[in-house]
């Protein structure tokens, strides 16, 4: 019965199913995308902070013996 409804050219289900698939893909993909973005942003922030601390720890004045 379900497959017959999808095969009819004027069926409402035929129009709704692709929209539901798209909506579910967006809703499932959005958290993954945001998580990946957050991880990359966090890694970038940590790397920049480490470079700043490393640059501050380098001695800039010459050593006189």
PDB file of N, CA and C in Angstrom:
ATOM      1  N   UNK A   1       0.831  -1.204   0.000  1.00  0.00           N
ATOM      2  CA  UNK A   1       0.000   0.000   0.000  1.00  0.00           C
ATOM      3  C   UNK A   1       0.872   1.264   0.000  1.00  0.00           C
ATOM      4  N   UNK A   2       1.928   1.238   0.794  1.00  0.00           N
ATOM      5  CA  UNK A   2       2.799   2.400   0.894  1.00  0.00           C
ATOM      6  C   UNK A   2       3.531   2.654  -0.426  1.00  0.00           C
ATOM      7  N   UNK A   3       4.025   1.602  -1.048  1.00  0.00           N
ATOM      8  CA  UNK A   3       4.748   1.775  -2.308  1.00  0.00           C
ATOM      9  C   UNK A   3       3.807   2.248  -3.411  1.00  0.00           C
ATOM     10  N   UNK A   4       2.556   1.839  -3.363  1.00  0.00           N
ATOM     11  CA  UNK A   4       1.598   2.297  -4.373  1.00  0.00           C
ATOM     12  C   UNK A   4       1.340   3.797  -4.233  1.00  0.00           C
ATOM     13  N   UNK A   5       1.308   4.288  -2.990  1.00  0.00           N
ATOM     14  CA  UNK A   5       1.078   5.719  -2.768  1.00  0.00           C
ATOM     15  C   UNK A   5       2.259   6.538  -3.279  1.00  0.00           C
ATOM     16  N   UNK A   6       3.457   6.002  -3.149  1.00  0.00           N
ATOM     17  CA  UNK A   6       4.629   6.731  -3.619  1.00  0.00           C
ATOM     18  C   UNK A   6       4.731   6.744  -5.141  1.00  0.00           C
ATOM     19  N   UNK A   7       4.135   5.758  -5.801  1.00  0.00           N
ATOM     20  CA  UNK A   7       4.250   5.671  -7.258  1.00  0.00           C
ATOM     21  C   UNK A   7       3.209   6.515  -7.985  1.00  0.00           C
ATOM     22  N   UNK A   8       2.153   6.890  -7.310  1.00  0.00           N
ATOM     23  CA  UNK A   8       1.142   7.712  -7.972  1.00  0.00           C
ATOM     24  C   UNK A   8       1.694   9.107  -8.241  1.00  0.00           C
ATOM     25  N   UNK A   9       1.504   9.631  -9.452  1.00  0.00           N
ATOM     26  CA  UNK A   9       2.124  10.911  -9.792  1.00  0.00           C
ATOM     27  C   UNK A   9       1.627  12.093  -8.954  1.00  0.00           C
ATOM     28  N   UNK A  10       0.392  12.093  -8.530  1.00  0.00           N
ATOM     29  CA  UNK A  10      -0.141  13.221  -7.773  1.00  0.00           C
ATOM     30  C   UNK A  10      -0.112  13.005  -6.271  1.00  0.00           C
ATOM     31  N   UNK A  11       0.595  12.018  -5.826  1.00  0.00           N
ATOM     32  CA  UNK A  11       0.579  11.667  -4.407  1.00  0.00           C
ATOM     33  C   UNK A  11       1.291  12.728  -3.558  1.00  0.00           C
ATOM     34  N   UNK A  12       0.688  13.025  -2.427  1.00  0.00           N
ATOM     35  CA  UNK A  12       1.289  13.987  -1.495  1.00  0.00           C
ATOM     36  C   UNK A  12       2.566  13.406  -0.897  1.00  0.00           C
ATOM     37  N   UNK A  13       2.544  12.110  -0.622  1.00  0.00           N
ATOM     38  CA  UNK A  13       3.720  11.465  -0.034  1.00  0.00           C
ATOM     39  C   UNK A  13       4.924  11.577  -0.950  1.00  0.00           C
ATOM     40  N   UNK A  14       4.676  11.564  -2.236  1.00  0.00           N
ATOM     41  CA  UNK A  14       5.782  11.659  -3.192  1.00  0.00           C
ATOM     42  C   UNK A  14       6.486  13.017  -3.092  1.00  0.00           C
ATOM     43  N   UNK A  15       5.772  14.033  -2.726  1.00  0.00           N
ATOM     44  CA  UNK A  15       6.363  15.359  -2.566  1.00  0.00           C
ATOM     45  C   UNK A  15       6.962  15.547  -1.175  1.00  0.00           C
ATOM     46  N   UNK A  16       6.403  14.884  -0.182  1.00  0.00           N
ATOM     47  CA  UNK A  16       6.839  15.089   1.193  1.00  0.00           C
ATOM     48  C   UNK A  16       8.112  14.295   1.523  1.00  0.00           C
ATOM     49  N   UNK A  17       8.226  13.079   0.987  1.00  0.00           N
ATOM     50  CA  UNK A  17       9.352  12.216   1.346  1.00  0.00           C
ATOM     51  C   UNK A  17      10.703  12.862   1.038  1.00  0.00           C
ATOM     52  N   UNK A  18      10.953  13.430  -0.147  1.00  0.00           N
ATOM     53  CA  UNK A  18      12.258  14.073  -0.372  1.00  0.00           C
ATOM     54  C   UNK A  18      12.504  15.257   0.564  1.00  0.00           C
ATOM     55  N   UNK A  19      11.450  16.003   0.873  1.00  0.00           N
ATOM     56  CA  UNK A  19      11.600  17.135   1.797  1.00  0.00           C
ATOM     57  C   UNK A  19      11.957  16.647   3.193  1.00  0.00           C
ATOM     58  N   UNK A  20      11.359  15.555   3.619  1.00  0.00           N
ATOM     59  CA  UNK A  20      11.698  14.985   4.927  1.00  0.00           C
ATOM     60  C   UNK A  20      13.125  14.448   4.945  1.00  0.00           C
ATOM     61  N   UNK A  21      13.535  13.838   3.843  1.00  0.00           N
ATOM     62  CA  UNK A  21      14.916  13.336   3.763  1.00  0.00           C
ATOM     63  C   UNK A  21      15.907  14.497   3.833  1.00  0.00           C
ATOM     64  N   UNK A  22      15.620  15.570   3.136  1.00  0.00           N
ATOM     65  CA  UNK A  22      16.497  16.738   3.162  1.00  0.00           C
ATOM     66  C   UNK A  22      16.541  17.354   4.559  1.00  0.00           C
ATOM     67  N   UNK A  23      15.379  17.495   5.178  1.00  0.00           N
ATOM     68  CA  UNK A  23      15.321  18.075   6.521  1.00  0.00           C
ATOM     69  C   UNK A  23      16.083  17.220   7.531  1.00  0.00           C
ATOM     70  N   UNK A  24      15.936  15.900   7.432  1.00  0.00           N
ATOM     71  CA  UNK A  24      16.646  15.031   8.375  1.00  0.00           C
ATOM     72  C   UNK A  24      18.146  15.089   8.130  1.00  0.00           C
ATOM     73  N   UNK A  25      18.562  15.186   6.864  1.00  0.00           N
ATOM     74  CA  UNK A  25      19.992  15.289   6.573  1.00  0.00           C
ATOM     75  C   UNK A  25      20.575  16.587   7.131  1.00  0.00           C
ATOM     76  N   UNK A  26      19.818  17.675   6.991  1.00  0.00           N
ATOM     77  CA  UNK A  26      20.284  18.961   7.523  1.00  0.00           C
ATOM     78  C   UNK A  26      20.339  18.919   9.045  1.00  0.00           C
ATOM     79  N   UNK A  27      19.304  18.389   9.658  1.00  0.00           N
ATOM     80  CA  UNK A  27      19.268  18.354  11.125  1.00  0.00           C
ATOM     81  C   UNK A  27      20.327  17.425  11.711  1.00  0.00           C
ATOM     82  N   UNK A  28      20.646  16.359  10.994  1.00  0.00           N
ATOM     83  CA  UNK A  28      21.697  15.463  11.477  1.00  0.00           C
ATOM     84  C   UNK A  28      23.083  16.009  11.160  1.00  0.00           C
ATOM     85  N   UNK A  29      23.226  16.702  10.049  1.00  0.00           N
ATOM     86  CA  UNK A  29      24.530  17.207   9.651  1.00  0.00           C
ATOM     87  C   UNK A  29      24.941  18.471  10.373  1.00  0.00           C
ATOM     88  N   UNK A  30      23.986  19.258  10.819  1.00  0.00           N
ATOM     89  CA  UNK A  30      24.296  20.529  11.468  1.00  0.00           C
ATOM     90  C   UNK A  30      25.102  20.362  12.760  1.00  0.00           C
ATOM     91  N   UNK A  31      24.706  19.492  13.687  1.00  0.00           N
ATOM     92  CA  UNK A  31      25.515  19.339  14.896  1.00  0.00           C
ATOM     93  C   UNK A  31      26.924  18.830  14.603  1.00  0.00           C
ATOM     94  N   UNK A  32      27.049  17.942  13.617  1.00  0.00           N
ATOM     95  CA  UNK A  32      28.371  17.424  13.258  1.00  0.00           C
ATOM     96  C   UNK A  32      29.238  18.547  12.708  1.00  0.00           C
ATOM     97  N   UNK A  33      28.647  19.388  11.860  1.00  0.00           N
ATOM     98  CA  UNK A  33      29.386  20.519  11.291  1.00  0.00           C
ATOM     99  C   UNK A  33      29.789  21.498  12.385  1.00  0.00           C
ATOM    100  N   UNK A  34      28.877  21.801  13.288  1.00  0.00           N
ATOM    101  CA  UNK A  34      29.198  22.730  14.373  1.00  0.00           C
ATOM    102  C   UNK A  34      30.253  22.157  15.305  1.00  0.00           C
ATOM    103  N   UNK A  35      30.185  20.863  15.566  1.00  0.00           N
ATOM    104  CA  UNK A  35      31.182  20.225  16.422  1.00  0.00           C
ATOM    105  C   UNK A  35      32.562  20.283  15.777  1.00  0.00           C
ATOM    106  N   UNK A  36      32.627  19.976  14.488  1.00  0.00           N
ATOM    107  CA  UNK A  36      33.909  20.025  13.783  1.00  0.00           C
ATOM    108  C   UNK A  36      34.458  21.456  13.768  1.00  0.00           C
ATOM    109  N   UNK A  37      33.575  22.417  13.541  1.00  0.00           N
ATOM    110  CA  UNK A  37      34.005  23.818  13.543  1.00  0.00           C
ATOM    111  C   UNK A  37      34.529  24.218  14.910  1.00  0.00           C
ATOM    112  N   UNK A  38      33.835  23.805  15.953  1.00  0.00           N
ATOM    113  CA  UNK A  38      34.279  24.114  17.312  1.00  0.00           C
ATOM    114  C   UNK A  38      35.608  23.473  17.642  1.00  0.00           C
ATOM    115  N   UNK A  39      35.810  22.247  17.186  1.00  0.00           N
ATOM    116  CA  UNK A  39      37.077  21.566  17.440  1.00  0.00           C
ATOM    117  C   UNK A  39      38.217  22.268  16.710  1.00  0.00           C
ATOM    118  N   UNK A  40      37.975  22.666  15.464  1.00  0.00           N
ATOM    119  CA  UNK A  40      39.018  23.368  14.709  1.00  0.00           C
ATOM    120  C   UNK A  40      39.310  24.731  15.329  1.00  0.00           C
ATOM    121  N   UNK A  41      38.260  25.425  15.760  1.00  0.00           N
ATOM    122  CA  UNK A  41      38.458  26.729  16.394  1.00  0.00           C
ATOM    123  C   UNK A  41      39.237  26.565  17.695  1.00  0.00           C
ATOM    124  N   UNK A  42      38.886  25.551  18.468  1.00  0.00           N
ATOM    125  CA  UNK A  42      39.583  25.305  19.731  1.00  0.00           C
ATOM    126  C   UNK A  42      41.044  24.960  19.512  1.00  0.00           C
ATOM    127  N   UNK A  43      41.325  24.114  18.524  1.00  0.00           N
ATOM    128  CA  UNK A  43      42.707  23.737  18.220  1.00  0.00           C
ATOM    129  C   UNK A  43      43.498  24.953  17.751  1.00  0.00           C
ATOM    130  N   UNK A  44      42.873  25.780  16.934  1.00  0.00           N
ATOM    131  CA  UNK A  44      43.531  26.990  16.449  1.00  0.00           C
ATOM    132  C   UNK A  44      43.832  27.934  17.606  1.00  0.00           C
ATOM    133  N   UNK A  45      42.887  28.075  18.514  1.00  0.00           N
ATOM    134  CA  UNK A  45      43.072  28.951  19.678  1.00  0.00           C
ATOM    135  C   UNK A  45      44.210  28.443  20.557  1.00  0.00           C
ATOM    136  N   UNK A  46      44.239  27.134  20.797  1.00  0.00           N
ATOM    137  CA  UNK A  46      45.292  26.550  21.630  1.00  0.00           C
ATOM    138  C   UNK A  46      46.655  26.724  20.967  1.00  0.00           C
ATOM    139  N   UNK A  47      46.710  26.506  19.653  1.00  0.00           N
ATOM    140  CA  UNK A  47      47.969  26.664  18.923  1.00  0.00           C
ATOM    141  C   UNK A  47      48.466  28.112  18.990  1.00  0.00           C
ATOM    142  N   UNK A  48      47.567  29.061  18.767  1.00  0.00           N
ATOM    143  CA  UNK A  48      47.968  30.469  18.825  1.00  0.00           C
ATOM    144  C   UNK A  48      48.433  30.839  20.224  1.00  0.00           C
ATOM    145  N   UNK A  49      47.732  30.360  21.231  1.00  0.00           N
ATOM    146  CA  UNK A  49      48.113  30.664  22.619  1.00  0.00           C
ATOM    147  C   UNK A  49      49.483  30.077  22.926  1.00  0.00           C
ATOM    148  N   UNK A  50      49.723  28.854  22.448  1.00  0.00           N
ATOM    149  CA  UNK A  50      51.024  28.232  22.659  1.00  0.00           C
ATOM    150  C   UNK A  50      52.138  28.994  21.964  1.00  0.00           C
ATOM    151  N   UNK A  51      51.877  29.486  20.769  1.00  0.00           N
ATOM    152  CA  UNK A  51      52.889  30.262  20.051  1.00  0.00           C
ATOM    153  C   UNK A  51      53.179  31.583  20.752  1.00  0.00           C
ATOM    154  N   UNK A  52      52.134  32.200  21.288  1.00  0.00           N
ATOM    155  CA  UNK A  52      52.329  33.458  22.016  1.00  0.00           C
ATOM    156  C   UNK A  52      53.167  33.218  23.275  1.00  0.00           C
ATOM    157  N   UNK A  53      52.845  32.161  24.010  1.00  0.00           N
ATOM    158  CA  UNK A  53      53.612  31.860  25.222  1.00  0.00           C
ATOM    159  C   UNK A  53      55.052  31.486  24.884  1.00  0.00           C
ATOM    160  N   UNK A  54      55.241  30.747  23.792  1.00  0.00           N
ATOM    161  CA  UNK A  54      56.597  30.383  23.381  1.00  0.00           C
ATOM    162  C   UNK A  54      57.389  31.621  22.973  1.00  0.00           C
ATOM    163  N   UNK A  55      56.729  32.538  22.273  1.00  0.00           N
ATOM    164  CA  UNK A  55      57.414  33.760  21.851  1.00  0.00           C
ATOM    165  C   UNK A  55      57.784  34.623  23.054  1.00  0.00           C
ATOM    166  N   UNK A  56      56.950  34.636  24.067  1.00  0.00           N
ATOM    167  CA  UNK A  56      57.249  35.428  25.269  1.00  0.00           C
ATOM    168  C   UNK A  56      58.393  34.831  26.073  1.00  0.00           C
ATOM    169  N   UNK A  57      58.536  33.515  25.990  1.00  0.00           N
ATOM    170  CA  UNK A  57      59.568  32.861  26.791  1.00  0.00           C
ATOM    171  C   UNK A  57      60.952  32.947  26.146  1.00  0.00           C
ATOM    172  N   UNK A  58      61.002  33.335  24.877  1.00  0.00           N
ATOM    173  CA  UNK A  58      62.291  33.478  24.201  1.00  0.00           C
ATOM    174  C   UNK A  58      62.982  34.726  24.729  1.00  0.00           C
ATOM    175  N   UNK A  59      64.260  34.558  25.048  1.00  0.00           N
ATOM    176  CA  UNK A  59      64.995  35.700  25.588  1.00  0.00           C
ATOM    177  C   UNK A  59      65.346  36.655  24.458  1.00  0.00           C
ATOM    178  N   UNK A  60      64.972  37.914  24.593  1.00  0.00           N
ATOM    179  CA  UNK A  60      65.199  38.883  23.528  1.00  0.00           C
ATOM    180  C   UNK A  60      66.460  39.704  23.767  1.00  0.00           C
ATOM    181  N   UNK A  61      66.941  39.782  24.981  1.00  0.00           N
ATOM    182  CA  UNK A  61      68.140  40.571  25.260  1.00  0.00           C
ATOM    183  C   UNK A  61      69.374  39.699  25.070  1.00  0.00           C
ATOM    184  N   UNK A  62      70.421  40.276  24.524  1.00  0.00           N
ATOM    185  CA  UNK A  62      71.640  39.482  24.336  1.00  0.00           C
ATOM    186  C   UNK A  62      72.290  39.122  25.671  1.00  0.00           C
ATOM    187  N   UNK A  63      72.935  37.999  25.682  1.00  0.00           N
ATOM    188  CA  UNK A  63      73.617  37.537  26.889  1.00  0.00           C
ATOM    189  C   UNK A  63      75.062  38.041  26.847  1.00  0.00           C
ATOM    190  N   UNK A  64      75.449  38.798  27.873  1.00  0.00           N
ATOM    191  CA  UNK A  64      76.826  39.301  27.957  1.00  0.00           C
ATOM    192  C   UNK A  64      77.569  38.462  28.975  1.00  0.00           C
ATOM    193  N   UNK A  65      78.706  37.967  28.557  1.00  0.00           N
ATOM    194  CA  UNK A  65      79.511  37.155  29.497  1.00  0.00           C
ATOM    195  C   UNK A  65      80.717  37.927  29.952  1.00  0.00           C
TER     196      UNK A  65
END
